[in-house]
């Protein structure tokens, strides 16, 4: 799949301090976009898979950027 194409919205979860938090993510123009009840965040894809980046972004949202 080319990086500049829109990918389907996919679920993403993280477990922090025993609690599981859910959100969704998609990729558009080499940017991973994450949405959750804690807010939204996006960053450019680097060398890691999009799902790994999405989990990191969700963790940052849950922890208030302290992840």
PDB file of N, CA and C in Angstrom:
ATOM      1  N   UNK A   1       0.846  -1.175   0.000  1.00  0.00           N
ATOM      2  CA  UNK A   1       0.000   0.000   0.000  1.00  0.00           C
ATOM      3  C   UNK A   1       0.891   1.238   0.000  1.00  0.00           C
ATOM      4  N   UNK A   2       0.552   2.183  -0.824  1.00  0.00           N
ATOM      5  CA  UNK A   2       1.323   3.420  -0.879  1.00  0.00           C
ATOM      6  C   UNK A   2       1.044   4.262   0.360  1.00  0.00           C
ATOM      7  N   UNK A   3       2.038   4.940   0.822  1.00  0.00           N
ATOM      8  CA  UNK A   3       1.880   5.721   2.046  1.00  0.00           C
ATOM      9  C   UNK A   3       0.960   6.930   1.888  1.00  0.00           C
ATOM     10  N   UNK A   4       0.774   7.426   0.678  1.00  0.00           N
ATOM     11  CA  UNK A   4      -0.033   8.616   0.507  1.00  0.00           C
ATOM     12  C   UNK A   4      -1.514   8.305   0.335  1.00  0.00           C
ATOM     13  N   UNK A   5      -1.918   7.059   0.450  1.00  0.00           N
ATOM     14  CA  UNK A   5      -3.319   6.682   0.315  1.00  0.00           C
ATOM     15  C   UNK A   5      -3.983   6.633   1.683  1.00  0.00           C
ATOM     16  N   UNK A   6      -5.280   6.902   1.684  1.00  0.00           N
ATOM     17  CA  UNK A   6      -6.063   6.820   2.904  1.00  0.00           C
ATOM     18  C   UNK A   6      -6.287   5.359   3.258  1.00  0.00           C
ATOM     19  N   UNK A   7      -6.009   4.995   4.482  1.00  0.00           N
ATOM     20  CA  UNK A   7      -6.252   3.623   4.929  1.00  0.00           C
ATOM     21  C   UNK A   7      -7.553   3.596   5.717  1.00  0.00           C
ATOM     22  N   UNK A   8      -8.145   2.424   5.873  1.00  0.00           N
ATOM     23  CA  UNK A   8      -9.378   2.324   6.664  1.00  0.00           C
ATOM     24  C   UNK A   8      -9.118   2.728   8.115  1.00  0.00           C
ATOM     25  N   UNK A   9     -10.177   3.163   8.775  1.00  0.00           N
ATOM     26  CA  UNK A   9     -10.089   3.453  10.206  1.00  0.00           C
ATOM     27  C   UNK A   9      -9.999   2.120  10.931  1.00  0.00           C
ATOM     28  N   UNK A  10      -9.013   2.000  11.807  1.00  0.00           N
ATOM     29  CA  UNK A  10      -8.765   0.751  12.528  1.00  0.00           C
ATOM     30  C   UNK A  10      -8.764   1.008  14.035  1.00  0.00           C
ATOM     31  N   UNK A  11      -9.124  -0.008  14.815  1.00  0.00           N
ATOM     32  CA  UNK A  11      -9.074   0.155  16.267  1.00  0.00           C
ATOM     33  C   UNK A  11      -7.639   0.067  16.780  1.00  0.00           C
ATOM     34  N   UNK A  12      -7.405   0.737  17.896  1.00  0.00           N
ATOM     35  CA  UNK A  12      -6.109   0.650  18.570  1.00  0.00           C
ATOM     36  C   UNK A  12      -6.388   0.662  20.070  1.00  0.00           C
ATOM     37  N   UNK A  13      -5.648  -0.141  20.825  1.00  0.00           N
ATOM     38  CA  UNK A  13      -5.810  -0.184  22.276  1.00  0.00           C
ATOM     39  C   UNK A  13      -4.453  -0.147  22.954  1.00  0.00           C
ATOM     40  N   UNK A  14      -4.458   0.377  24.169  1.00  0.00           N
ATOM     41  CA  UNK A  14      -3.279   0.330  25.031  1.00  0.00           C
ATOM     42  C   UNK A  14      -3.753   0.013  26.437  1.00  0.00           C
ATOM     43  N   UNK A  15      -2.920  -0.686  27.187  1.00  0.00           N
ATOM     44  CA  UNK A  15      -3.207  -0.956  28.596  1.00  0.00           C
ATOM     45  C   UNK A  15      -2.194  -0.205  29.431  1.00  0.00           C
ATOM     46  N   UNK A  16      -2.710   0.654  30.291  1.00  0.00           N
ATOM     47  CA  UNK A  16      -1.859   1.477  31.147  1.00  0.00           C
ATOM     48  C   UNK A  16      -2.362   1.329  32.572  1.00  0.00           C
ATOM     49  N   UNK A  17      -1.485   0.941  33.467  1.00  0.00           N
ATOM     50  CA  UNK A  17      -1.824   0.722  34.870  1.00  0.00           C
ATOM     51  C   UNK A  17      -3.036  -0.206  35.026  1.00  0.00           C
ATOM     52  N   UNK A  18      -3.088  -1.240  34.192  1.00  0.00           N
ATOM     53  CA  UNK A  18      -4.141  -2.237  34.287  1.00  0.00           C
ATOM     54  C   UNK A  18      -5.447  -1.861  33.610  1.00  0.00           C
ATOM     55  N   UNK A  19      -5.562  -0.655  33.084  1.00  0.00           N
ATOM     56  CA  UNK A  19      -6.786  -0.224  32.401  1.00  0.00           C
ATOM     57  C   UNK A  19      -6.556  -0.192  30.893  1.00  0.00           C
ATOM     58  N   UNK A  20      -7.501  -0.752  30.155  1.00  0.00           N
ATOM     59  CA  UNK A  20      -7.401  -0.756  28.704  1.00  0.00           C
ATOM     60  C   UNK A  20      -8.129   0.456  28.139  1.00  0.00           C
ATOM     61  N   UNK A  21      -7.459   1.158  27.248  1.00  0.00           N
ATOM     62  CA  UNK A  21      -8.009   2.363  26.622  1.00  0.00           C
ATOM     63  C   UNK A  21      -8.098   2.124  25.124  1.00  0.00           C
ATOM     64  N   UNK A  22      -9.202   2.579  24.534  1.00  0.00           N
ATOM     65  CA  UNK A  22      -9.452   2.325  23.121  1.00  0.00           C
ATOM     66  C   UNK A  22      -9.521   3.611  22.324  1.00  0.00           C
ATOM     67  N   UNK A  23      -9.142   3.499  21.069  1.00  0.00           N
ATOM     68  CA  UNK A  23      -9.260   4.599  20.132  1.00  0.00           C
ATOM     69  C   UNK A  23      -9.269   4.036  18.726  1.00  0.00           C
ATOM     70  N   UNK A  24      -9.182   4.917  17.757  1.00  0.00           N
ATOM     71  CA  UNK A  24      -9.091   4.508  16.366  1.00  0.00           C
ATOM     72  C   UNK A  24      -7.953   5.272  15.708  1.00  0.00           C
ATOM     73  N   UNK A  25      -7.468   4.711  14.579  1.00  0.00           N
ATOM     74  CA  UNK A  25      -6.428   5.412  13.834  1.00  0.00           C
ATOM     75  C   UNK A  25      -6.592   5.165  12.353  1.00  0.00           C
ATOM     76  N   UNK A  26      -6.052   6.086  11.577  1.00  0.00           N
ATOM     77  CA  UNK A  26      -5.971   5.907  10.136  1.00  0.00           C
ATOM     78  C   UNK A  26      -4.741   6.647   9.652  1.00  0.00           C
ATOM     79  N   UNK A  27      -4.325   6.338   8.435  1.00  0.00           N
ATOM     80  CA  UNK A  27      -3.147   6.971   7.839  1.00  0.00           C
ATOM     81  C   UNK A  27      -3.581   7.727   6.597  1.00  0.00           C
ATOM     82  N   UNK A  28      -3.142   8.967   6.497  1.00  0.00           N
ATOM     83  CA  UNK A  28      -3.393   9.774   5.307  1.00  0.00           C
ATOM     84  C   UNK A  28      -2.140  10.581   5.010  1.00  0.00           C
ATOM     85  N   UNK A  29      -1.651  10.480   3.796  1.00  0.00           N
ATOM     86  CA  UNK A  29      -0.473  11.244   3.362  1.00  0.00           C
ATOM     87  C   UNK A  29       0.705  11.081   4.316  1.00  0.00           C
ATOM     88  N   UNK A  30       0.984   9.843   4.695  1.00  0.00           N
ATOM     89  CA  UNK A  30       2.106   9.487   5.571  1.00  0.00           C
ATOM     90  C   UNK A  30       1.987  10.053   6.984  1.00  0.00           C
ATOM     91  N   UNK A  31       0.765  10.410   7.392  1.00  0.00           N
ATOM     92  CA  UNK A  31       0.507  10.902   8.747  1.00  0.00           C
ATOM     93  C   UNK A  31      -0.448   9.926   9.429  1.00  0.00           C
ATOM     94  N   UNK A  32      -0.086   9.488  10.646  1.00  0.00           N
ATOM     95  CA  UNK A  32      -0.956   8.630  11.450  1.00  0.00           C
ATOM     96  C   UNK A  32      -1.829   9.544  12.306  1.00  0.00           C
ATOM     97  N   UNK A  33      -3.141   9.365  12.207  1.00  0.00           N
ATOM     98  CA  UNK A  33      -4.112  10.151  12.960  1.00  0.00           C
ATOM     99  C   UNK A  33      -4.782   9.226  13.976  1.00  0.00           C
ATOM    100  N   UNK A  34      -4.778   9.618  15.255  1.00  0.00           N
ATOM    101  CA  UNK A  34      -5.414   8.835  16.317  1.00  0.00           C
ATOM    102  C   UNK A  34      -6.513   9.668  16.945  1.00  0.00           C
ATOM    103  N   UNK A  35      -7.661   9.026  17.193  1.00  0.00           N
ATOM    104  CA  UNK A  35      -8.774   9.674  17.872  1.00  0.00           C
ATOM    105  C   UNK A  35      -9.211   8.785  19.026  1.00  0.00           C
ATOM    106  N   UNK A  36      -9.547   9.416  20.154  1.00  0.00           N
ATOM    107  CA  UNK A  36      -9.991   8.670  21.331  1.00  0.00           C
ATOM    108  C   UNK A  36     -10.822   9.607  22.199  1.00  0.00           C
ATOM    109  N   UNK A  37     -11.437   9.063  23.259  1.00  0.00           N
ATOM    110  CA  UNK A  37     -12.153   9.941  24.191  1.00  0.00           C
ATOM    111  C   UNK A  37     -11.228  10.973  24.859  1.00  0.00           C
ATOM    112  N   UNK A  38      -9.922  10.752  24.798  1.00  0.00           N
ATOM    113  CA  UNK A  38      -8.958  11.663  25.405  1.00  0.00           C
ATOM    114  C   UNK A  38      -8.525  12.775  24.457  1.00  0.00           C
ATOM    115  N   UNK A  39      -8.969  12.710  23.196  1.00  0.00           N
ATOM    116  CA  UNK A  39      -8.606  13.722  22.225  1.00  0.00           C
ATOM    117  C   UNK A  39      -8.078  13.088  20.948  1.00  0.00           C
ATOM    118  N   UNK A  40      -7.401  13.920  20.168  1.00  0.00           N
ATOM    119  CA  UNK A  40      -6.853  13.461  18.893  1.00  0.00           C
ATOM    120  C   UNK A  40      -5.404  13.913  18.781  1.00  0.00           C
ATOM    121  N   UNK A  41      -4.645  13.148  18.027  1.00  0.00           N
ATOM    122  CA  UNK A  41      -3.228  13.448  17.866  1.00  0.00           C
ATOM    123  C   UNK A  41      -2.770  12.854  16.542  1.00  0.00           C
ATOM    124  N   UNK A  42      -1.760  13.461  15.936  1.00  0.00           N
ATOM    125  CA  UNK A  42      -1.245  12.956  14.664  1.00  0.00           C
ATOM    126  C   UNK A  42       0.261  13.184  14.596  1.00  0.00           C
ATOM    127  N   UNK A  43       0.932  12.325  13.839  1.00  0.00           N
ATOM    128  CA  UNK A  43       2.362  12.490  13.601  1.00  0.00           C
ATOM    129  C   UNK A  43       2.740  11.778  12.317  1.00  0.00           C
ATOM    130  N   UNK A  44       3.859  12.148  11.784  1.00  0.00           N
ATOM    131  CA  UNK A  44       4.338  11.571  10.535  1.00  0.00           C
ATOM    132  C   UNK A  44       4.873  10.163  10.763  1.00  0.00           C
ATOM    133  N   UNK A  45       4.659   9.304   9.771  1.00  0.00           N
ATOM    134  CA  UNK A  45       5.206   7.947   9.817  1.00  0.00           C
ATOM    135  C   UNK A  45       6.710   8.028   9.601  1.00  0.00           C
ATOM    136  N   UNK A  46       7.438   7.309  10.438  1.00  0.00           N
ATOM    137  CA  UNK A  46       8.881   7.205  10.272  1.00  0.00           C
ATOM    138  C   UNK A  46       9.214   5.787   9.865  1.00  0.00           C
ATOM    139  N   UNK A  47      10.047   5.143  10.659  1.00  0.00           N
ATOM    140  CA  UNK A  47      10.469   3.783  10.333  1.00  0.00           C
ATOM    141  C   UNK A  47       9.620   2.716  11.022  1.00  0.00           C
ATOM    142  N   UNK A  48       8.768   3.112  11.962  1.00  0.00           N
ATOM    143  CA  UNK A  48       7.931   2.147  12.678  1.00  0.00           C
ATOM    144  C   UNK A  48       6.617   1.921  11.941  1.00  0.00           C
ATOM    145  N   UNK A  49       5.999   0.766  12.155  1.00  0.00           N
ATOM    146  CA  UNK A  49       4.683   0.517  11.559  1.00  0.00           C
ATOM    147  C   UNK A  49       3.634   1.497  12.093  1.00  0.00           C
ATOM    148  N   UNK A  50       2.628   1.777  11.289  1.00  0.00           N
ATOM    149  CA  UNK A  50       1.579   2.727  11.665  1.00  0.00           C
ATOM    150  C   UNK A  50       0.893   2.320  12.966  1.00  0.00           C
ATOM    151  N   UNK A  51       0.638   1.032  13.171  1.00  0.00           N
ATOM    152  CA  UNK A  51      -0.051   0.601  14.388  1.00  0.00           C
ATOM    153  C   UNK A  51       0.796   0.879  15.631  1.00  0.00           C
ATOM    154  N   UNK A  52       2.089   0.709  15.536  1.00  0.00           N
ATOM    155  CA  UNK A  52       2.981   1.007  16.663  1.00  0.00           C
ATOM    156  C   UNK A  52       2.936   2.490  16.985  1.00  0.00           C
ATOM    157  N   UNK A  53       2.974   3.316  15.964  1.00  0.00           N
ATOM    158  CA  UNK A  53       2.889   4.770  16.168  1.00  0.00           C
ATOM    159  C   UNK A  53       1.538   5.128  16.775  1.00  0.00           C
ATOM    160  N   UNK A  54       0.468   4.502  16.289  1.00  0.00           N
ATOM    161  CA  UNK A  54      -0.870   4.774  16.823  1.00  0.00           C
ATOM    162  C   UNK A  54      -0.946   4.428  18.308  1.00  0.00           C
ATOM    163  N   UNK A  55      -0.349   3.317  18.703  1.00  0.00           N
ATOM    164  CA  UNK A  55      -0.348   2.939  20.131  1.00  0.00           C
ATOM    165  C   UNK A  55       0.421   3.961  20.961  1.00  0.00           C
ATOM    166  N   UNK A  56       1.533   4.453  20.422  1.00  0.00           N
ATOM    167  CA  UNK A  56       2.315   5.466  21.136  1.00  0.00           C
ATOM    168  C   UNK A  56       1.508   6.760  21.285  1.00  0.00           C
ATOM    169  N   UNK A  57       0.835   7.169  20.216  1.00  0.00           N
ATOM    170  CA  UNK A  57       0.033   8.387  20.280  1.00  0.00           C
ATOM    171  C   UNK A  57      -1.121   8.231  21.262  1.00  0.00           C
ATOM    172  N   UNK A  58      -1.779   7.079  21.247  1.00  0.00           N
ATOM    173  CA  UNK A  58      -2.867   6.844  22.195  1.00  0.00           C
ATOM    174  C   UNK A  58      -2.347   6.874  23.625  1.00  0.00           C
ATOM    175  N   UNK A  59      -1.200   6.290  23.866  1.00  0.00           N
ATOM    176  CA  UNK A  59      -0.597   6.330  25.203  1.00  0.00           C
ATOM    177  C   UNK A  59      -0.342   7.766  25.643  1.00  0.00           C
ATOM    178  N   UNK A  60       0.158   8.589  24.725  1.00  0.00           N
ATOM    179  CA  UNK A  60       0.401  10.001  25.043  1.00  0.00           C
ATOM    180  C   UNK A  60      -0.900  10.719  25.372  1.00  0.00           C
ATOM    181  N   UNK A  61      -1.954  10.419  24.636  1.00  0.00           N
ATOM    182  CA  UNK A  61      -3.246  11.041  24.927  1.00  0.00           C
ATOM    183  C   UNK A  61      -3.755  10.632  26.303  1.00  0.00           C
ATOM    184  N   UNK A  62      -3.679   9.347  26.604  1.00  0.00           N
ATOM    185  CA  UNK A  62      -4.178   8.836  27.885  1.00  0.00           C
ATOM    186  C   UNK A  62      -3.384   9.419  29.054  1.00  0.00           C
ATOM    187  N   UNK A  63      -2.086   9.497  28.893  1.00  0.00           N
ATOM    188  CA  UNK A  63      -1.208   9.947  29.975  1.00  0.00           C
ATOM    189  C   UNK A  63      -0.962  11.449  29.963  1.00  0.00           C
ATOM    190  N   UNK A  64      -1.583  12.158  29.078  1.00  0.00           N
ATOM    191  CA  UNK A  64      -1.355  13.608  29.014  1.00  0.00           C
ATOM    192  C   UNK A  64       0.038  13.951  28.554  1.00  0.00           C
ATOM    193  N   UNK A  65       0.530  13.253  27.529  1.00  0.00           N
ATOM    194  CA  UNK A  65       1.872  13.469  26.942  1.00  0.00           C
ATOM    195  C   UNK A  65       3.010  13.069  27.870  1.00  0.00           C
ATOM    196  N   UNK A  66       2.732  12.268  28.909  1.00  0.00           N
ATOM    197  CA  UNK A  66       3.783  11.817  29.813  1.00  0.00           C
ATOM    198  C   UNK A  66       4.207  10.386  29.525  1.00  0.00           C
ATOM    199  N   UNK A  67       3.648   9.782  28.462  1.00  0.00           N
ATOM    200  CA  UNK A  67       3.947   8.367  28.145  1.00  0.00           C
ATOM    201  C   UNK A  67       5.351   8.215  27.612  1.00  0.00           C
TER     202      UNK A  67
END
